[in-house]
PDB file of all heavy atoms in Angstrom:
ATOM      1  N   PHE A   1     -12.347 272.118 191.454  1.00  0.00           N
ATOM      2  CA  PHE A   1     -12.274 273.564 191.260  1.00  0.00           C
ATOM      3  C   PHE A   1     -12.138 273.863 189.772  1.00  0.00           C
ATOM      4  O   PHE A   1     -11.173 274.467 189.339  1.00  0.00           O
ATOM      5  CB  PHE A   1     -11.099 274.158 192.043  1.00  0.00           C
ATOM      6  CG  PHE A   1     -11.310 274.221 193.515  1.00  0.00           C
ATOM      7  CD1 PHE A   1     -10.779 273.244 194.343  1.00  0.00           C
ATOM      8  CD2 PHE A   1     -12.059 275.233 194.095  1.00  0.00           C
ATOM      9  CE1 PHE A   1     -10.967 273.273 195.704  1.00  0.00           C
ATOM     10  CE2 PHE A   1     -12.257 275.284 195.462  1.00  0.00           C
ATOM     11  CZ  PHE A   1     -11.718 274.304 196.276  1.00  0.00           C
ATOM     12  N   CYS A   2     -13.113 273.442 188.983  1.00  0.00           N
ATOM     13  CA  CYS A   2     -13.081 273.698 187.539  1.00  0.00           C
ATOM     14  C   CYS A   2     -13.336 275.176 187.269  1.00  0.00           C
ATOM     15  O   CYS A   2     -14.208 275.787 187.890  1.00  0.00           O
ATOM     16  CB  CYS A   2     -14.131 272.857 186.834  1.00  0.00           C
ATOM     17  SG  CYS A   2     -13.933 271.072 187.075  1.00  0.00           S
ATOM     18  N   SER A   3     -12.592 275.747 186.348  1.00  0.00           N
ATOM     19  CA  SER A   3     -12.704 277.180 186.073  1.00  0.00           C
ATOM     20  C   SER A   3     -13.996 277.533 185.355  1.00  0.00           C
ATOM     21  O   SER A   3     -14.417 278.693 185.360  1.00  0.00           O
ATOM     22  CB  SER A   3     -11.514 277.644 185.233  1.00  0.00           C
ATOM     23  OG  SER A   3     -11.484 276.934 184.005  1.00  0.00           O
ATOM     24  N   PHE A   4     -14.667 276.545 184.722  1.00  0.00           N
ATOM     25  CA  PHE A   4     -15.871 276.840 183.948  1.00  0.00           C
ATOM     26  C   PHE A   4     -17.157 276.674 184.743  1.00  0.00           C
ATOM     27  O   PHE A   4     -18.245 276.862 184.218  1.00  0.00           O
ATOM     28  CB  PHE A   4     -15.937 275.932 182.711  1.00  0.00           C
ATOM     29  CG  PHE A   4     -15.916 274.463 183.027  1.00  0.00           C
ATOM     30  CD1 PHE A   4     -17.057 273.790 183.395  1.00  0.00           C
ATOM     31  CD2 PHE A   4     -14.723 273.743 182.981  1.00  0.00           C
ATOM     32  CE1 PHE A   4     -17.032 272.438 183.711  1.00  0.00           C
ATOM     33  CE2 PHE A   4     -14.694 272.398 183.287  1.00  0.00           C
ATOM     34  CZ  PHE A   4     -15.834 271.739 183.643  1.00  0.00           C
ATOM     35  N   CYS A   5     -17.067 276.323 186.019  1.00  0.00           N
ATOM     36  CA  CYS A   5     -18.266 275.973 186.794  1.00  0.00           C
ATOM     37  C   CYS A   5     -18.203 276.611 188.178  1.00  0.00           C
ATOM     38  O   CYS A   5     -17.205 276.467 188.889  1.00  0.00           O
ATOM     39  CB  CYS A   5     -18.383 274.450 186.894  1.00  0.00           C
ATOM     40  SG  CYS A   5     -19.760 273.913 187.911  1.00  0.00           S
ATOM     41  N   LYS A   6     -19.265 277.277 188.587  1.00  0.00           N
ATOM     42  CA  LYS A   6     -19.257 277.919 189.908  1.00  0.00           C
ATOM     43  C   LYS A   6     -19.668 276.955 191.006  1.00  0.00           C
ATOM     44  O   LYS A   6     -19.429 277.225 192.179  1.00  0.00           O
ATOM     45  CB  LYS A   6     -20.186 279.134 189.897  1.00  0.00           C
ATOM     46  CG  LYS A   6     -21.653 278.834 190.077  1.00  0.00           C
ATOM     47  CD  LYS A   6     -22.440 280.128 190.094  1.00  0.00           C
ATOM     48  CE  LYS A   6     -23.884 279.900 190.461  1.00  0.00           C
ATOM     49  NZ  LYS A   6     -24.096 279.448 191.842  1.00  0.00           N
ATOM     50  N   GLU A   7     -20.316 275.844 190.656  1.00  0.00           N
ATOM     51  CA  GLU A   7     -20.778 274.898 191.669  1.00  0.00           C
ATOM     52  C   GLU A   7     -19.640 274.433 192.557  1.00  0.00           C
ATOM     53  O   GLU A   7     -19.752 274.371 193.777  1.00  0.00           O
ATOM     54  CB  GLU A   7     -21.427 273.678 190.995  1.00  0.00           C
ATOM     55  CG  GLU A   7     -21.975 272.637 191.949  1.00  0.00           C
ATOM     56  CD  GLU A   7     -23.409 272.914 192.353  1.00  0.00           C
ATOM     57  OE1 GLU A   7     -24.059 273.756 191.733  1.00  0.00           O
ATOM     58  OE2 GLU A   7     -23.858 272.268 193.316  1.00  0.00           O
ATOM     59  N   SER A   8     -18.514 274.098 191.921  1.00  0.00           N
ATOM     60  CA  SER A   8     -17.391 273.539 192.686  1.00  0.00           C
ATOM     61  C   SER A   8     -16.770 274.569 193.620  1.00  0.00           C
ATOM     62  O   SER A   8     -16.175 274.216 194.636  1.00  0.00           O
ATOM     63  CB  SER A   8     -16.324 272.999 191.720  1.00  0.00           C
ATOM     64  OG  SER A   8     -15.863 274.026 190.866  1.00  0.00           O
ATOM     65  N   TRP A   9     -16.901 275.851 193.311  1.00  0.00           N
ATOM     66  CA  TRP A   9     -16.302 276.893 194.141  1.00  0.00           C
ATOM     67  C   TRP A   9     -17.230 277.282 195.300  1.00  0.00           C
ATOM     68  O   TRP A   9     -16.749 277.619 196.390  1.00  0.00           O
ATOM     69  CB  TRP A   9     -16.008 278.136 193.293  1.00  0.00           C
ATOM     70  CG  TRP A   9     -14.990 277.852 192.242  1.00  0.00           C
ATOM     71  CD1 TRP A   9     -15.217 277.323 190.988  1.00  0.00           C
ATOM     72  CD2 TRP A   9     -13.573 278.051 192.334  1.00  0.00           C
ATOM     73  NE1 TRP A   9     -14.042 277.188 190.306  1.00  0.00           N
ATOM     74  CE2 TRP A   9     -13.009 277.627 191.105  1.00  0.00           C
ATOM     75  CE3 TRP A   9     -12.738 278.555 193.326  1.00  0.00           C
ATOM     76  CZ2 TRP A   9     -11.649 277.686 190.848  1.00  0.00           C
ATOM     77  CZ3 TRP A   9     -11.375 278.625 193.057  1.00  0.00           C
ATOM     78  CH2 TRP A   9     -10.851 278.192 191.838  1.00  0.00           C
ATOM     79  N   GLU A  10     -18.516 277.249 195.068  1.00  0.00           N
ATOM     80  CA  GLU A  10     -19.446 277.745 196.065  1.00  0.00           C
ATOM     81  C   GLU A  10     -20.121 276.660 196.893  1.00  0.00           C
ATOM     82  O   GLU A  10     -20.564 276.904 198.004  1.00  0.00           O
ATOM     83  CB  GLU A  10     -20.527 278.614 195.385  1.00  0.00           C
ATOM     84  CG  GLU A  10     -19.934 279.871 194.766  1.00  0.00           C
ATOM     85  CD  GLU A  10     -20.969 280.704 194.047  1.00  0.00           C
ATOM     86  OE1 GLU A  10     -22.066 280.185 193.786  1.00  0.00           O
ATOM     87  OE2 GLU A  10     -20.688 281.877 193.759  1.00  0.00           O
ATOM     88  N   GLN A  11     -20.220 275.448 196.348  1.00  0.00           N
ATOM     89  CA  GLN A  11     -20.884 274.370 197.068  1.00  0.00           C
ATOM     90  C   GLN A  11     -19.858 273.511 197.793  1.00  0.00           C
ATOM     91  O   GLN A  11     -19.595 272.381 197.421  1.00  0.00           O
ATOM     92  CB  GLN A  11     -21.720 273.533 196.095  1.00  0.00           C
ATOM     93  CG  GLN A  11     -22.805 274.311 195.374  1.00  0.00           C
ATOM     94  CD  GLN A  11     -23.866 274.839 196.313  1.00  0.00           C
ATOM     95  OE1 GLN A  11     -24.131 274.281 197.369  1.00  0.00           O
ATOM     96  NE2 GLN A  11     -24.485 275.940 195.937  1.00  0.00           N
ATOM     97  N   LYS A  12     -19.272 274.065 198.805  1.00  0.00           N
ATOM     98  CA  LYS A  12     -18.300 273.343 199.634  1.00  0.00           C
ATOM     99  C   LYS A  12     -18.830 273.288 201.064  1.00  0.00           C
ATOM    100  O   LYS A  12     -19.549 274.201 201.485  1.00  0.00           O
ATOM    101  CB  LYS A  12     -16.946 274.076 199.612  1.00  0.00           C
ATOM    102  CG  LYS A  12     -16.193 273.964 198.283  1.00  0.00           C
ATOM    103  CD  LYS A  12     -15.568 272.590 198.124  1.00  0.00           C
ATOM    104  CE  LYS A  12     -14.590 272.536 196.964  1.00  0.00           C
ATOM    105  NZ  LYS A  12     -15.178 272.704 195.631  1.00  0.00           N
ATOM    106  N   PRO A  13     -18.523 272.254 201.829  1.00  0.00           N
ATOM    107  CA  PRO A  13     -17.704 271.118 201.461  1.00  0.00           C
ATOM    108  C   PRO A  13     -18.495 270.065 200.658  1.00  0.00           C
ATOM    109  O   PRO A  13     -19.714 270.078 200.681  1.00  0.00           O
ATOM    110  CB  PRO A  13     -17.301 270.546 202.830  1.00  0.00           C
ATOM    111  CG  PRO A  13     -18.472 270.852 203.697  1.00  0.00           C
ATOM    112  CD  PRO A  13     -18.966 272.194 203.229  1.00  0.00           C
ATOM    113  N   TYR A  14     -17.777 269.201 199.988  1.00  0.00           N
ATOM    114  CA  TYR A  14     -18.411 268.094 199.289  1.00  0.00           C
ATOM    115  C   TYR A  14     -18.885 267.077 200.314  1.00  0.00           C
ATOM    116  O   TYR A  14     -18.159 266.727 201.243  1.00  0.00           O
ATOM    117  CB  TYR A  14     -17.421 267.443 198.318  1.00  0.00           C
ATOM    118  CG  TYR A  14     -17.946 266.179 197.670  1.00  0.00           C
ATOM    119  CD1 TYR A  14     -19.032 266.234 196.801  1.00  0.00           C
ATOM    120  CD2 TYR A  14     -17.372 264.941 197.934  1.00  0.00           C
ATOM    121  CE1 TYR A  14     -19.529 265.093 196.214  1.00  0.00           C
ATOM    122  CE2 TYR A  14     -17.854 263.790 197.349  1.00  0.00           C
ATOM    123  CZ  TYR A  14     -18.942 263.869 196.479  1.00  0.00           C
ATOM    124  OH  TYR A  14     -19.429 262.727 195.907  1.00  0.00           O
ATOM    125  N   ARG A  15     -20.126 266.605 200.159  1.00  0.00           N
ATOM    126  CA  ARG A  15     -20.706 265.686 201.139  1.00  0.00           C
ATOM    127  C   ARG A  15     -21.376 264.505 200.447  1.00  0.00           C
ATOM    128  O   ARG A  15     -22.125 264.694 199.486  1.00  0.00           O
ATOM    129  CB  ARG A  15     -21.748 266.424 201.997  1.00  0.00           C
ATOM    130  CG  ARG A  15     -21.158 267.474 202.929  1.00  0.00           C
ATOM    131  CD  ARG A  15     -22.112 268.636 203.139  1.00  0.00           C
ATOM    132  NE  ARG A  15     -22.151 269.515 201.979  1.00  0.00           N
ATOM    133  CZ  ARG A  15     -23.037 270.495 201.821  1.00  0.00           C
ATOM    134  NH1 ARG A  15     -23.953 270.705 202.717  1.00  0.00           N
ATOM    135  NH2 ARG A  15     -22.983 271.252 200.745  1.00  0.00           N
ATOM    136  N   GLU A  16     -21.125 263.308 200.945  1.00  0.00           N
ATOM    137  CA  GLU A  16     -21.758 262.098 200.435  1.00  0.00           C
ATOM    138  C   GLU A  16     -22.644 261.481 201.508  1.00  0.00           C
ATOM    139  O   GLU A  16     -22.290 261.485 202.689  1.00  0.00           O
ATOM    140  CB  GLU A  16     -20.704 261.067 200.007  1.00  0.00           C
ATOM    141  CG  GLU A  16     -19.941 261.441 198.769  1.00  0.00           C
ATOM    142  CD  GLU A  16     -19.090 260.280 198.244  1.00  0.00           C
ATOM    143  OE1 GLU A  16     -19.043 259.228 198.923  1.00  0.00           O
ATOM    144  OE2 GLU A  16     -18.473 260.447 197.172  1.00  0.00           O
ATOM    145  N   GLY A  17     -23.795 260.960 201.076  1.00  0.00           N
ATOM    146  CA  GLY A  17     -24.698 260.306 202.000  1.00  0.00           C
ATOM    147  C   GLY A  17     -24.171 258.953 202.418  1.00  0.00           C
ATOM    148  O   GLY A  17     -23.521 258.243 201.653  1.00  0.00           O
ATOM    149  N   ASN A  18     -24.451 258.575 203.670  1.00  0.00           N
ATOM    150  CA  ASN A  18     -24.095 257.252 204.176  1.00  0.00           C
ATOM    151  C   ASN A  18     -25.015 256.212 203.544  1.00  0.00           C
ATOM    152  O   ASN A  18     -26.244 256.415 203.466  1.00  0.00           O
ATOM    153  CB  ASN A  18     -24.227 257.250 205.699  1.00  0.00           C
ATOM    154  CG  ASN A  18     -23.971 255.896 206.302  1.00  0.00           C
ATOM    155  OD1 ASN A  18     -24.862 255.071 206.404  1.00  0.00           O
ATOM    156  ND2 ASN A  18     -22.731 255.682 206.699  1.00  0.00           N
ATOM    157  N   VAL A  19     -24.470 255.077 203.097  1.00  0.00           N
ATOM    158  CA  VAL A  19     -25.249 254.079 202.366  1.00  0.00           C
ATOM    159  C   VAL A  19     -26.421 253.572 203.203  1.00  0.00           C
ATOM    160  O   VAL A  19     -27.561 253.504 202.739  1.00  0.00           O
ATOM    161  CB  VAL A  19     -24.356 252.903 201.922  1.00  0.00           C
ATOM    162  CG1 VAL A  19     -25.207 251.801 201.285  1.00  0.00           C
ATOM    163  CG2 VAL A  19     -23.309 253.383 200.920  1.00  0.00           C
ATOM    164  N   SER A  20     -26.173 253.208 204.447  1.00  0.00           N
ATOM    165  CA  SER A  20     -27.253 252.680 205.289  1.00  0.00           C
ATOM    166  C   SER A  20     -28.327 253.731 205.519  1.00  0.00           C
ATOM    167  O   SER A  20     -29.534 253.417 205.551  1.00  0.00           O
ATOM    168  CB  SER A  20     -26.690 252.190 206.620  1.00  0.00           C
ATOM    169  OG  SER A  20     -26.056 253.236 207.326  1.00  0.00           O
ATOM    170  N   ALA A  21     -27.923 255.003 205.672  1.00  0.00           N
ATOM    171  CA  ALA A  21     -28.894 256.072 205.869  1.00  0.00           C
ATOM    172  C   ALA A  21     -29.727 256.296 204.602  1.00  0.00           C
ATOM    173  O   ALA A  21     -30.938 256.545 204.660  1.00  0.00           O
ATOM    174  CB  ALA A  21     -28.190 257.361 206.279  1.00  0.00           C
ATOM    175  N   LEU A  22     -29.066 256.200 203.429  1.00  0.00           N
ATOM    176  CA  LEU A  22     -29.780 256.375 202.167  1.00  0.00           C
ATOM    177  C   LEU A  22     -30.820 255.265 201.969  1.00  0.00           C
ATOM    178  O   LEU A  22     -31.926 255.522 201.510  1.00  0.00           O
ATOM    179  CB  LEU A  22     -28.800 256.388 200.999  1.00  0.00           C
ATOM    180  CG  LEU A  22     -27.855 257.600 200.921  1.00  0.00           C
ATOM    181  CD1 LEU A  22     -26.842 257.402 199.799  1.00  0.00           C
ATOM    182  CD2 LEU A  22     -28.646 258.885 200.712  1.00  0.00           C
ATOM    183  N   ILE A  23     -30.457 254.053 202.335  1.00  0.00           N
ATOM    184  CA  ILE A  23     -31.398 252.938 202.217  1.00  0.00           C
ATOM    185  C   ILE A  23     -32.583 253.147 203.162  1.00  0.00           C
ATOM    186  O   ILE A  23     -33.737 252.943 202.803  1.00  0.00           O
ATOM    187  CB  ILE A  23     -30.682 251.600 202.519  1.00  0.00           C
ATOM    188  CG1 ILE A  23     -29.616 251.330 201.448  1.00  0.00           C
ATOM    189  CG2 ILE A  23     -31.694 250.450 202.559  1.00  0.00           C
ATOM    190  CD1 ILE A  23     -28.690 250.180 201.785  1.00  0.00           C
ATOM    191  N   SER A  24     -32.279 253.573 204.391  1.00  0.00           N
ATOM    192  CA  SER A  24     -33.335 253.834 205.365  1.00  0.00           C
ATOM    193  C   SER A  24     -34.276 254.923 204.869  1.00  0.00           C
ATOM    194  O   SER A  24     -35.504 254.815 204.985  1.00  0.00           O
ATOM    195  CB  SER A  24     -32.702 254.227 206.705  1.00  0.00           C
ATOM    196  OG  SER A  24     -33.688 254.580 207.648  1.00  0.00           O
ATOM    197  N   ASP A  25     -33.703 256.004 204.304  1.00  0.00           N
ATOM    198  CA  ASP A  25     -34.527 257.091 203.778  1.00  0.00           C
ATOM    199  C   ASP A  25     -35.383 256.630 202.609  1.00  0.00           C
ATOM    200  O   ASP A  25     -36.552 257.036 202.475  1.00  0.00           O
ATOM    201  CB  ASP A  25     -33.639 258.254 203.325  1.00  0.00           C
ATOM    202  CG  ASP A  25     -33.086 259.055 204.497  1.00  0.00           C
ATOM    203  OD1 ASP A  25     -33.601 258.881 205.612  1.00  0.00           O
ATOM    204  OD2 ASP A  25     -32.127 259.818 204.291  1.00  0.00           O
ATOM    205  N   SER A  26     -34.822 255.794 201.745  1.00  0.00           N
ATOM    206  CA  SER A  26     -35.579 255.323 200.589  1.00  0.00           C
ATOM    207  C   SER A  26     -36.759 254.457 201.021  1.00  0.00           C
ATOM    208  O   SER A  26     -37.838 254.505 200.434  1.00  0.00           O
ATOM    209  CB  SER A  26     -34.661 254.559 199.630  1.00  0.00           C
ATOM    210  OG  SER A  26     -34.244 253.336 200.200  1.00  0.00           O
TER     211      SER A  26
END
């Protein structure tokens, strides 16, 4: 929640890709 950046306030929730799924997609 940095005060200088709107990304952290509006782009919630934070999401990470699953490693096996990322490899499959690649």
